Amino acid sequence: MINVNNTTRSYSGRPGCMCGCNGKYNESPRARKMAITQLTKNPEVRLLVWDNHTEGCIYIETETRSRVLYLNARGVDEARVMGIKEEE
Protein backbone atom coordinates (compact mmCIF):
# COMPACT_ATOMS: atom_id res chain seq x y z
CA MET A 1 0.00 0.00 0.00
CA ILE A 2 1.31 3.46 -0.87
CA ASN A 3 1.90 5.61 2.21
CA VAL A 4 3.19 9.15 2.76
CA ASN A 5 6.78 7.90 3.23
CA ASN A 6 6.70 6.54 -0.34
CA THR A 7 5.79 9.92 -1.83
CA THR A 8 7.60 13.21 -2.40
CA ARG A 9 4.91 15.74 -3.41
CA SER A 10 1.50 16.14 -4.97
CA TYR A 11 0.06 18.39 -7.68
CA SER A 12 -3.48 19.51 -8.32
CA GLY A 13 -4.48 21.92 -11.04
CA ARG A 14 -6.15 22.59 -14.35
CA PRO A 15 -5.04 20.46 -17.31
CA GLY A 16 -2.22 21.66 -19.51
CA CYS A 17 0.96 23.21 -18.23
CA MET A 18 2.16 21.82 -14.90
CA CYS A 19 4.84 24.42 -14.16
CA GLY A 20 2.67 25.70 -11.33
CA CYS A 21 0.78 28.35 -13.26
CA ASN A 22 -2.37 26.18 -13.54
CA GLY A 23 -2.23 24.56 -10.11
CA LYS A 24 -0.29 23.96 -6.95
CA TYR A 25 2.50 21.62 -5.86
CA ASN A 26 2.40 20.61 -2.23
CA GLU A 27 4.91 18.65 -0.15
CA SER A 28 2.96 18.56 3.12
CA PRO A 29 2.10 15.13 4.51
CA ARG A 30 -1.58 16.09 4.68
CA ALA A 31 -1.75 17.00 0.97
CA ARG A 32 0.08 13.82 -0.01
CA LYS A 33 -2.25 11.69 2.15
CA MET A 34 -5.29 13.29 0.50
CA ALA A 35 -3.80 12.58 -2.94
CA ILE A 36 -3.15 8.94 -1.99
CA THR A 37 -6.78 8.54 -0.94
CA GLN A 38 -8.23 10.25 -4.02
CA LEU A 39 -5.99 8.60 -6.59
CA THR A 40 -5.92 5.03 -5.31
CA LYS A 41 -9.73 4.89 -5.16
CA ASN A 42 -10.07 5.87 -8.82
CA PRO A 43 -9.92 2.97 -11.32
CA GLU A 44 -8.63 5.34 -14.02
CA VAL A 45 -5.38 6.07 -12.15
CA ARG A 46 -2.19 5.36 -14.09
CA LEU A 47 1.47 4.87 -13.16
CA LEU A 48 4.29 6.61 -15.00
CA VAL A 49 7.95 5.81 -14.19
CA TRP A 50 11.27 7.41 -15.13
CA ASP A 51 14.89 7.70 -14.00
CA ASN A 52 15.67 4.02 -14.54
CA HIS A 53 12.46 3.05 -12.72
CA THR A 54 13.58 4.65 -9.44
CA GLU A 55 10.98 7.44 -9.46
CA GLY A 56 7.52 7.96 -10.85
CA CYS A 57 4.02 9.18 -10.27
CA ILE A 58 0.43 8.08 -10.25
CA TYR A 59 -1.97 10.44 -11.94
CA ILE A 60 -5.42 11.15 -13.30
CA GLU A 61 -6.30 13.70 -15.95
CA THR A 62 -9.88 14.79 -16.51
CA GLU A 63 -11.32 17.61 -18.60
CA THR A 64 -11.10 19.97 -15.64
CA ARG A 65 -8.33 18.69 -13.37
CA SER A 66 -4.90 17.07 -13.29
CA ARG A 67 -4.06 15.24 -10.07
CA VAL A 68 -0.55 13.81 -9.61
CA LEU A 69 1.26 12.11 -6.75
CA TYR A 70 5.03 11.80 -7.11
CA LEU A 71 6.61 8.58 -5.82
CA ASN A 72 10.03 7.40 -4.74
CA ALA A 73 11.29 3.93 -5.75
CA ARG A 74 9.39 2.23 -2.93
CA GLY A 75 6.21 4.03 -3.99
CA VAL A 76 6.66 2.84 -7.57
CA ASP A 77 7.02 -0.74 -6.32
CA GLU A 78 3.92 -0.39 -4.12
CA ALA A 79 1.86 1.03 -7.02
CA ARG A 80 2.80 -1.99 -9.11
CA VAL A 81 1.86 -4.38 -6.28
CA MET A 82 -1.52 -2.63 -6.04
CA GLY A 83 -2.09 -3.34 -9.72
CA ILE A 84 -2.10 0.27 -10.93
CA LYS A 85 -1.76 0.15 -14.70
CA GLU A 86 1.56 1.42 -16.00
CA GLU A 87 1.59 3.99 -18.79
CA GLU A 88 3.31 2.60 -21.88
PDB file of N, CA and C in Angstrom:
ATOM      1  N   MET A   1       0.833  -1.175   0.000  1.00  0.00           N
ATOM      2  CA  MET A   1       0.000   0.000   0.000  1.00  0.00           C
ATOM      3  C   MET A   1       0.886   1.250   0.000  1.00  0.00           C
ATOM      4  N   ILE A   2       0.551   2.206  -0.823  1.00  0.00           N
ATOM      5  CA  ILE A   2       1.307   3.457  -0.867  1.00  0.00           C
ATOM      6  C   ILE A   2       1.023   4.240   0.417  1.00  0.00           C
ATOM      7  N   ASN A   3       2.079   4.735   1.054  1.00  0.00           N
ATOM      8  CA  ASN A   3       1.897   5.612   2.207  1.00  0.00           C
ATOM      9  C   ASN A   3       2.715   6.882   2.003  1.00  0.00           C
ATOM     10  N   VAL A   4       2.551   7.833   2.902  1.00  0.00           N
ATOM     11  CA  VAL A   4       3.192   9.147   2.756  1.00  0.00           C
ATOM     12  C   VAL A   4       4.709   9.029   2.631  1.00  0.00           C
ATOM     13  N   ASN A   5       5.322   8.057   3.307  1.00  0.00           N
ATOM     14  CA  ASN A   5       6.777   7.900   3.233  1.00  0.00           C
ATOM     15  C   ASN A   5       7.256   7.466   1.857  1.00  0.00           C
ATOM     16  N   ASN A   6       6.346   6.977   1.010  1.00  0.00           N
ATOM     17  CA  ASN A   6       6.703   6.537  -0.345  1.00  0.00           C
ATOM     18  C   ASN A   6       6.441   7.623  -1.382  1.00  0.00           C
ATOM     19  N   THR A   7       6.125   8.832  -0.924  1.00  0.00           N
ATOM     20  CA  THR A   7       5.786   9.924  -1.830  1.00  0.00           C
ATOM     21  C   THR A   7       6.698  11.122  -1.582  1.00  0.00           C
ATOM     22  N   THR A   8       6.760  12.019  -2.572  1.00  0.00           N
ATOM     23  CA  THR A   8       7.595  13.213  -2.402  1.00  0.00           C
ATOM     24  C   THR A   8       6.787  14.504  -2.462  1.00  0.00           C
ATOM     25  N   ARG A   9       5.764  14.554  -3.324  1.00  0.00           N
ATOM     26  CA  ARG A   9       4.905  15.737  -3.407  1.00  0.00           C
ATOM     27  C   ARG A   9       3.678  15.420  -4.235  1.00  0.00           C
ATOM     28  N   SER A  10       2.711  16.312  -4.179  1.00  0.00           N
ATOM     29  CA  SER A  10       1.500  16.143  -4.968  1.00  0.00           C
ATOM     30  C   SER A  10       1.259  17.402  -5.798  1.00  0.00           C
ATOM     31  N   TYR A  11       0.437  17.263  -6.823  1.00  0.00           N
ATOM     32  CA  TYR A  11       0.063  18.393  -7.675  1.00  0.00           C
ATOM     33  C   TYR A  11      -1.422  18.299  -7.969  1.00  0.00           C
ATOM     34  N   SER A  12      -2.086  19.428  -7.928  1.00  0.00           N
ATOM     35  CA  SER A  12      -3.481  19.509  -8.317  1.00  0.00           C
ATOM     36  C   SER A  12      -3.680  20.814  -9.068  1.00  0.00           C
ATOM     37  N   GLY A  13      -4.262  20.718 -10.255  1.00  0.00           N
ATOM     38  CA  GLY A  13      -4.480  21.924 -11.036  1.00  0.00           C
ATOM     39  C   GLY A  13      -5.273  21.657 -12.290  1.00  0.00           C
ATOM     40  N   ARG A  14      -5.462  22.714 -13.066  1.00  0.00           N
ATOM     41  CA  ARG A  14      -6.152  22.586 -14.348  1.00  0.00           C
ATOM     42  C   ARG A  14      -5.251  21.849 -15.329  1.00  0.00           C
ATOM     43  N   PRO A  15      -5.839  21.173 -16.310  1.00  0.00           N
ATOM     44  CA  PRO A  15      -5.040  20.456 -17.306  1.00  0.00           C
ATOM     45  C   PRO A  15      -4.171  21.410 -18.125  1.00  0.00           C
ATOM     46  N   GLY A  16      -3.129  20.861 -18.674  1.00  0.00           N
ATOM     47  CA  GLY A  16      -2.224  21.655 -19.509  1.00  0.00           C
ATOM     48  C   GLY A  16      -0.870  21.766 -18.844  1.00  0.00           C
ATOM     49  N   CYS A  17      -0.353  22.940 -18.815  1.00  0.00           N
ATOM     50  CA  CYS A  17       0.958  23.212 -18.235  1.00  0.00           C
ATOM     51  C   CYS A  17       0.964  22.845 -16.752  1.00  0.00           C
ATOM     52  N   MET A  18       2.049  22.188 -16.312  1.00  0.00           N
ATOM     53  CA  MET A  18       2.162  21.822 -14.899  1.00  0.00           C
ATOM     54  C   MET A  18       3.360  22.508 -14.247  1.00  0.00           C
ATOM     55  N   CYS A  19       3.724  23.692 -14.749  1.00  0.00           N
ATOM     56  CA  CYS A  19       4.843  24.424 -14.155  1.00  0.00           C
ATOM     57  C   CYS A  19       4.448  25.069 -12.833  1.00  0.00           C
ATOM     58  N   GLY A  20       3.166  25.062 -12.541  1.00  0.00           N
ATOM     59  CA  GLY A  20       2.670  25.696 -11.330  1.00  0.00           C
ATOM     60  C   GLY A  20       1.724  26.841 -11.633  1.00  0.00           C
ATOM     61  N   CYS A  21       1.657  27.230 -12.900  1.00  0.00           N
ATOM     62  CA  CYS A  21       0.778  28.352 -13.261  1.00  0.00           C
ATOM     63  C   CYS A  21      -0.701  27.950 -13.294  1.00  0.00           C
ATOM     64  N   ASN A  22      -0.985  26.667 -13.478  1.00  0.00           N
ATOM     65  CA  ASN A  22      -2.368  26.180 -13.536  1.00  0.00           C
ATOM     66  C   ASN A  22      -2.797  25.451 -12.271  1.00  0.00           C
ATOM     67  N   GLY A  23      -1.898  25.328 -11.310  1.00  0.00           N
ATOM     68  CA  GLY A  23      -2.229  24.564 -10.111  1.00  0.00           C
ATOM     69  C   GLY A  23      -1.182  24.756  -9.036  1.00  0.00           C
ATOM     70  N   LYS A  24      -1.160  23.817  -8.108  1.00  0.00           N
ATOM     71  CA  LYS A  24      -0.286  23.957  -6.951  1.00  0.00           C
ATOM     72  C   LYS A  24       0.411  22.641  -6.625  1.00  0.00           C
ATOM     73  N   TYR A  25       1.723  22.730  -6.396  1.00  0.00           N
ATOM     74  CA  TYR A  25       2.500  21.617  -5.864  1.00  0.00           C
ATOM     75  C   TYR A  25       2.488  21.724  -4.350  1.00  0.00           C
ATOM     76  N   ASN A  26       2.439  20.591  -3.684  1.00  0.00           N
ATOM     77  CA  ASN A  26       2.397  20.608  -2.233  1.00  0.00           C
ATOM     78  C   ASN A  26       3.206  19.434  -1.696  1.00  0.00           C
ATOM     79  N   GLU A  27       4.077  19.701  -0.737  1.00  0.00           N
ATOM     80  CA  GLU A  27       4.908  18.654  -0.150  1.00  0.00           C
ATOM     81  C   GLU A  27       4.477  18.290   1.264  1.00  0.00           C
ATOM     82  N   SER A  28       3.387  18.863   1.750  1.00  0.00           N
ATOM     83  CA  SER A  28       2.955  18.559   3.119  1.00  0.00           C
ATOM     84  C   SER A  28       2.416  17.131   3.206  1.00  0.00           C
ATOM     85  N   PRO A  29       2.628  16.484   4.333  1.00  0.00           N
ATOM     86  CA  PRO A  29       2.096  15.129   4.512  1.00  0.00           C
ATOM     87  C   PRO A  29       0.576  15.063   4.339  1.00  0.00           C
ATOM     88  N   ARG A  30      -0.123  16.082   4.789  1.00  0.00           N
ATOM     89  CA  ARG A  30      -1.585  16.092   4.677  1.00  0.00           C
ATOM     90  C   ARG A  30      -2.015  16.087   3.206  1.00  0.00           C
ATOM     91  N   ALA A  31      -1.400  16.930   2.394  1.00  0.00           N
ATOM     92  CA  ALA A  31      -1.755  16.996   0.972  1.00  0.00           C
ATOM     93  C   ALA A  31      -1.424  15.685   0.263  1.00  0.00           C
ATOM     94  N   ARG A  32      -0.299  15.088   0.616  1.00  0.00           N
ATOM     95  CA  ARG A  32       0.082  13.823  -0.010  1.00  0.00           C
ATOM     96  C   ARG A  32      -0.863  12.703   0.408  1.00  0.00           C
ATOM     97  N   LYS A  33      -1.297  12.694   1.671  1.00  0.00           N
ATOM     98  CA  LYS A  33      -2.245  11.688   2.146  1.00  0.00           C
ATOM     99  C   LYS A  33      -3.581  11.830   1.426  1.00  0.00           C
ATOM    100  N   MET A  34      -4.038  13.061   1.232  1.00  0.00           N
ATOM    101  CA  MET A  34      -5.285  13.291   0.502  1.00  0.00           C
ATOM    102  C   MET A  34      -5.166  12.800  -0.940  1.00  0.00           C
ATOM    103  N   ALA A  35      -4.018  13.035  -1.564  1.00  0.00           N
ATOM    104  CA  ALA A  35      -3.796  12.580  -2.938  1.00  0.00           C
ATOM    105  C   ALA A  35      -3.784  11.055  -3.004  1.00  0.00           C
ATOM    106  N   ILE A  36      -3.155  10.409  -2.034  1.00  0.00           N
ATOM    107  CA  ILE A  36      -3.152   8.944  -1.994  1.00  0.00           C
ATOM    108  C   ILE A  36      -4.584   8.428  -1.965  1.00  0.00           C
ATOM    109  N   THR A  37      -5.393   8.983  -1.090  1.00  0.00           N
ATOM    110  CA  THR A  37      -6.779   8.544  -0.941  1.00  0.00           C
ATOM    111  C   THR A  37      -7.561   8.741  -2.230  1.00  0.00           C
ATOM    112  N   GLN A  38      -7.468   9.938  -2.806  1.00  0.00           N
ATOM    113  CA  GLN A  38      -8.229  10.245  -4.025  1.00  0.00           C
ATOM    114  C   GLN A  38      -7.777   9.399  -5.214  1.00  0.00           C
ATOM    115  N   LEU A  39      -6.490   9.281  -5.394  1.00  0.00           N
ATOM    116  CA  LEU A  39      -5.987   8.597  -6.586  1.00  0.00           C
ATOM    117  C   LEU A  39      -6.142   7.081  -6.512  1.00  0.00           C
ATOM    118  N   THR A  40      -5.865   6.493  -5.368  1.00  0.00           N
ATOM    119  CA  THR A  40      -5.917   5.027  -5.306  1.00  0.00           C
ATOM    120  C   THR A  40      -7.345   4.489  -5.330  1.00  0.00           C
ATOM    121  N   LYS A  41      -8.325   5.325  -5.072  1.00  0.00           N
ATOM    122  CA  LYS A  41      -9.725   4.895  -5.157  1.00  0.00           C
ATOM    123  C   LYS A  41     -10.278   4.985  -6.571  1.00  0.00           C
ATOM    124  N   ASN A  42      -9.583   5.659  -7.464  1.00  0.00           N
ATOM    125  CA  ASN A  42     -10.068   5.872  -8.822  1.00  0.00           C
ATOM    126  C   ASN A  42      -9.524   4.785  -9.758  1.00  0.00           C
ATOM    127  N   PRO A  43     -10.395   4.039 -10.436  1.00  0.00           N
ATOM    128  CA  PRO A  43      -9.925   2.971 -11.325  1.00  0.00           C
ATOM    129  C   PRO A  43      -9.201   3.488 -12.572  1.00  0.00           C
ATOM    130  N   GLU A  44      -9.300   4.764 -12.852  1.00  0.00           N
ATOM    131  CA  GLU A  44      -8.635   5.344 -14.024  1.00  0.00           C
ATOM    132  C   GLU A  44      -7.194   5.777 -13.744  1.00  0.00           C
ATOM    133  N   VAL A  45      -6.726   5.634 -12.511  1.00  0.00           N
ATOM    134  CA  VAL A  45      -5.381   6.070 -12.148  1.00  0.00           C
ATOM    135  C   VAL A  45      -4.345   5.290 -12.948  1.00  0.00           C
ATOM    136  N   ARG A  46      -3.272   5.966 -13.324  1.00  0.00           N
ATOM    137  CA  ARG A  46      -2.187   5.356 -14.095  1.00  0.00           C
ATOM    138  C   ARG A  46      -0.856   5.627 -13.418  1.00  0.00           C
ATOM    139  N   LEU A  47       0.113   4.760 -13.691  1.00  0.00           N
ATOM    140  CA  LEU A  47       1.470   4.868 -13.158  1.00  0.00           C
ATOM    141  C   LEU A  47       2.414   5.236 -14.293  1.00  0.00           C
ATOM    142  N   LEU A  48       3.267   6.204 -14.044  1.00  0.00           N
ATOM    143  CA  LEU A  48       4.290   6.611 -14.997  1.00  0.00           C
ATOM    144  C   LEU A  48       5.625   6.577 -14.263  1.00  0.00           C
ATOM    145  N   VAL A  49       6.642   5.915 -14.839  1.00  0.00           N
ATOM    146  CA  VAL A  49       7.952   5.813 -14.187  1.00  0.00           C
ATOM    147  C   VAL A  49       9.034   6.404 -15.066  1.00  0.00           C
ATOM    148  N   TRP A  50      10.129   6.851 -14.426  1.00  0.00           N
ATOM    149  CA  TRP A  50      11.270   7.415 -15.132  1.00  0.00           C
ATOM    150  C   TRP A  50      12.520   7.214 -14.285  1.00  0.00           C
ATOM    151  N   ASP A  51      13.621   7.758 -14.719  1.00  0.00           N
ATOM    152  CA  ASP A  51      14.889   7.697 -13.999  1.00  0.00           C
ATOM    153  C   ASP A  51      15.271   6.260 -13.649  1.00  0.00           C
ATOM    154  N   ASN A  52      15.297   5.425 -14.695  1.00  0.00           N
ATOM    155  CA  ASN A  52      15.673   4.021 -14.538  1.00  0.00           C
ATOM    156  C   ASN A  52      14.770   3.300 -13.536  1.00  0.00           C
ATOM    157  N   HIS A  53      13.491   3.664 -13.560  1.00  0.00           N
ATOM    158  CA  HIS A  53      12.459   3.051 -12.720  1.00  0.00           C
ATOM    159  C   HIS A  53      12.660   3.284 -11.226  1.00  0.00           C
ATOM    160  N   THR A  54      13.381   4.349 -10.857  1.00  0.00           N
ATOM    161  CA  THR A  54      13.577   4.652  -9.443  1.00  0.00           C
ATOM    162  C   THR A  54      12.650   5.745  -8.937  1.00  0.00           C
ATOM    163  N   GLU A  55      11.948   6.417  -9.832  1.00  0.00           N
ATOM    164  CA  GLU A  55      10.980   7.444  -9.462  1.00  0.00           C
ATOM    165  C   GLU A  55       9.803   7.358 -10.409  1.00  0.00           C
ATOM    166  N   GLY A  56       8.687   7.955  -9.989  1.00  0.00           N
ATOM    167  CA  GLY A  56       7.524   7.957 -10.854  1.00  0.00           C
ATOM    168  C   GLY A  56       6.380   8.737 -10.236  1.00  0.00           C
ATOM    169  N   CYS A  57       5.208   8.538 -10.802  1.00  0.00           N
ATOM    170  CA  CYS A  57       4.020   9.183 -10.267  1.00  0.00           C
ATOM    171  C   CYS A  57       2.792   8.358 -10.628  1.00  0.00           C
ATOM    172  N   ILE A  58       1.742   8.558  -9.858  1.00  0.00           N
ATOM    173  CA  ILE A  58       0.428   8.075 -10.249  1.00  0.00           C
ATOM    174  C   ILE A  58      -0.390   9.320 -10.540  1.00  0.00           C
ATOM    175  N   TYR A  59      -1.276   9.227 -11.522  1.00  0.00           N
ATOM    176  CA  TYR A  59      -1.975  10.438 -11.941  1.00  0.00           C
ATOM    177  C   TYR A  59      -3.324  10.129 -12.569  1.00  0.00           C
ATOM    178  N   ILE A  60      -4.139  11.158 -12.597  1.00  0.00           N
ATOM    179  CA  ILE A  60      -5.420  11.153 -13.297  1.00  0.00           C
ATOM    180  C   ILE A  60      -5.547  12.500 -13.991  1.00  0.00           C
ATOM    181  N   GLU A  61      -5.999  12.474 -15.226  1.00  0.00           N
ATOM    182  CA  GLU A  61      -6.296  13.705 -15.948  1.00  0.00           C
ATOM    183  C   GLU A  61      -7.743  13.656 -16.405  1.00  0.00           C
ATOM    184  N   THR A  62      -8.503  14.666 -16.036  1.00  0.00           N
ATOM    185  CA  THR A  62      -9.877  14.795 -16.506  1.00  0.00           C
ATOM    186  C   THR A  62      -9.964  16.062 -17.347  1.00  0.00           C
ATOM    187  N   GLU A  63     -11.153  16.390 -17.817  1.00  0.00           N
ATOM    188  CA  GLU A  63     -11.322  17.612 -18.603  1.00  0.00           C
ATOM    189  C   GLU A  63     -11.049  18.866 -17.780  1.00  0.00           C
ATOM    190  N   THR A  64     -11.222  18.780 -16.473  1.00  0.00           N
ATOM    191  CA  THR A  64     -11.097  19.972 -15.637  1.00  0.00           C
ATOM    192  C   THR A  64      -9.957  19.933 -14.629  1.00  0.00           C
ATOM    193  N   ARG A  65      -9.313  18.776 -14.428  1.00  0.00           N
ATOM    194  CA  ARG A  65      -8.327  18.686 -13.371  1.00  0.00           C
ATOM    195  C   ARG A  65      -7.241  17.668 -13.688  1.00  0.00           C
ATOM    196  N   SER A  66      -6.018  18.013 -13.302  1.00  0.00           N
ATOM    197  CA  SER A  66      -4.898  17.069 -13.291  1.00  0.00           C
ATOM    198  C   SER A  66      -4.522  16.843 -11.831  1.00  0.00           C
ATOM    199  N   ARG A  67      -4.420  15.597 -11.448  1.00  0.00           N
ATOM    200  CA  ARG A  67      -4.058  15.244 -10.072  1.00  0.00           C
ATOM    201  C   ARG A  67      -2.900  14.269 -10.157  1.00  0.00           C
ATOM    202  N   VAL A  68      -1.776  14.602  -9.510  1.00  0.00           N
ATOM    203  CA  VAL A  68      -0.555  13.809  -9.613  1.00  0.00           C
ATOM    204  C   VAL A  68       0.036  13.608  -8.223  1.00  0.00           C
ATOM    205  N   LEU A  69       0.542  12.407  -7.983  1.00  0.00           N
ATOM    206  CA  LEU A  69       1.260  12.114  -6.753  1.00  0.00           C
ATOM    207  C   LEU A  69       2.617  11.537  -7.143  1.00  0.00           C
ATOM    208  N   TYR A  70       3.679  12.221  -6.763  1.00  0.00           N
ATOM    209  CA  TYR A  70       5.034  11.802  -7.113  1.00  0.00           C
ATOM    210  C   TYR A  70       5.545  10.783  -6.099  1.00  0.00           C
ATOM    211  N   LEU A  71       6.195   9.732  -6.628  1.00  0.00           N
ATOM    212  CA  LEU A  71       6.611   8.580  -5.816  1.00  0.00           C
ATOM    213  C   LEU A  71       8.113   8.381  -5.842  1.00  0.00           C
ATOM    214  N   ASN A  72       8.652   7.869  -4.735  1.00  0.00           N
ATOM    215  CA  ASN A  72      10.035   7.397  -4.735  1.00  0.00           C
ATOM    216  C   ASN A  72      10.037   5.941  -5.225  1.00  0.00           C
ATOM    217  N   ALA A  73      11.192   5.300  -5.222  1.00  0.00           N
ATOM    218  CA  ALA A  73      11.293   3.930  -5.754  1.00  0.00           C
ATOM    219  C   ALA A  73      10.370   2.965  -5.013  1.00  0.00           C
ATOM    220  N   ARG A  74      10.276   3.096  -3.705  1.00  0.00           N
ATOM    221  CA  ARG A  74       9.393   2.227  -2.925  1.00  0.00           C
ATOM    222  C   ARG A  74       7.930   2.452  -3.319  1.00  0.00           C
ATOM    223  N   GLY A  75       7.564   3.713  -3.554  1.00  0.00           N
ATOM    224  CA  GLY A  75       6.206   4.032  -3.986  1.00  0.00           C
ATOM    225  C   GLY A  75       5.877   3.435  -5.341  1.00  0.00           C
ATOM    226  N   VAL A  76       6.853   3.458  -6.257  1.00  0.00           N
ATOM    227  CA  VAL A  76       6.659   2.842  -7.574  1.00  0.00           C
ATOM    228  C   VAL A  76       6.405   1.347  -7.406  1.00  0.00           C
ATOM    229  N   ASP A  77       7.212   0.697  -6.566  1.00  0.00           N
ATOM    230  CA  ASP A  77       7.018  -0.735  -6.316  1.00  0.00           C
ATOM    231  C   ASP A  77       5.638  -1.010  -5.727  1.00  0.00           C
ATOM    232  N   GLU A  78       5.216  -0.197  -4.763  1.00  0.00           N
ATOM    233  CA  GLU A  78       3.917  -0.389  -4.124  1.00  0.00           C
ATOM    234  C   GLU A  78       2.772  -0.188  -5.117  1.00  0.00           C
ATOM    235  N   ALA A  79       2.898   0.798  -6.003  1.00  0.00           N
ATOM    236  CA  ALA A  79       1.861   1.030  -7.020  1.00  0.00           C
ATOM    237  C   ALA A  79       1.726  -0.187  -7.928  1.00  0.00           C
ATOM    238  N   ARG A  80       2.838  -0.786  -8.279  1.00  0.00           N
ATOM    239  CA  ARG A  80       2.799  -1.995  -9.114  1.00  0.00           C
ATOM    240  C   ARG A  80       2.131  -3.149  -8.363  1.00  0.00           C
ATOM    241  N   VAL A  81       2.464  -3.312  -7.095  1.00  0.00           N
ATOM    242  CA  VAL A  81       1.858  -4.378  -6.283  1.00  0.00           C
ATOM    243  C   VAL A  81       0.348  -4.174  -6.195  1.00  0.00           C
ATOM    244  N   MET A  82      -0.087  -2.937  -6.119  1.00  0.00           N
ATOM    245  CA  MET A  82      -1.518  -2.629  -6.040  1.00  0.00           C
ATOM    246  C   MET A  82      -2.238  -2.859  -7.354  1.00  0.00           C
ATOM    247  N   GLY A  83      -1.477  -3.073  -8.427  1.00  0.00           N
ATOM    248  CA  GLY A  83      -2.093  -3.335  -9.719  1.00  0.00           C
ATOM    249  C   GLY A  83      -2.435  -2.091 -10.517  1.00  0.00           C
ATOM    250  N   ILE A  84      -1.853  -0.946 -10.155  1.00  0.00           N
ATOM    251  CA  ILE A  84      -2.100   0.273 -10.932  1.00  0.00           C
ATOM    252  C   ILE A  84      -1.459   0.107 -12.285  1.00  0.00           C
ATOM    253  N   LYS A  85      -2.246   0.347 -13.336  1.00  0.00           N
ATOM    254  CA  LYS A  85      -1.764   0.147 -14.701  1.00  0.00           C
ATOM    255  C   LYS A  85      -0.659   1.134 -15.034  1.00  0.00           C
ATOM    256  N   GLU A  86       0.413   0.596 -15.636  1.00  0.00           N
ATOM    257  CA  GLU A  86       1.558   1.425 -15.999  1.00  0.00           C
ATOM    258  C   GLU A  86       1.373   2.009 -17.391  1.00  0.00           C
ATOM    259  N   GLU A  87       1.657   3.292 -17.500  1.00  0.00           N
ATOM    260  CA  GLU A  87       1.594   3.985 -18.794  1.00  0.00           C
ATOM    261  C   GLU A  87       2.680   3.423 -19.694  1.00  0.00           C
ATOM    262  N   GLU A  88       2.329   3.181 -20.940  1.00  0.00           N
ATOM    263  CA  GLU A  88       3.315   2.598 -21.876  1.00  0.00           C
ATOM    264  C   GLU A  88       4.057   3.663 -22.628  1.00  0.00           C
TER     265      GLU A  88
END
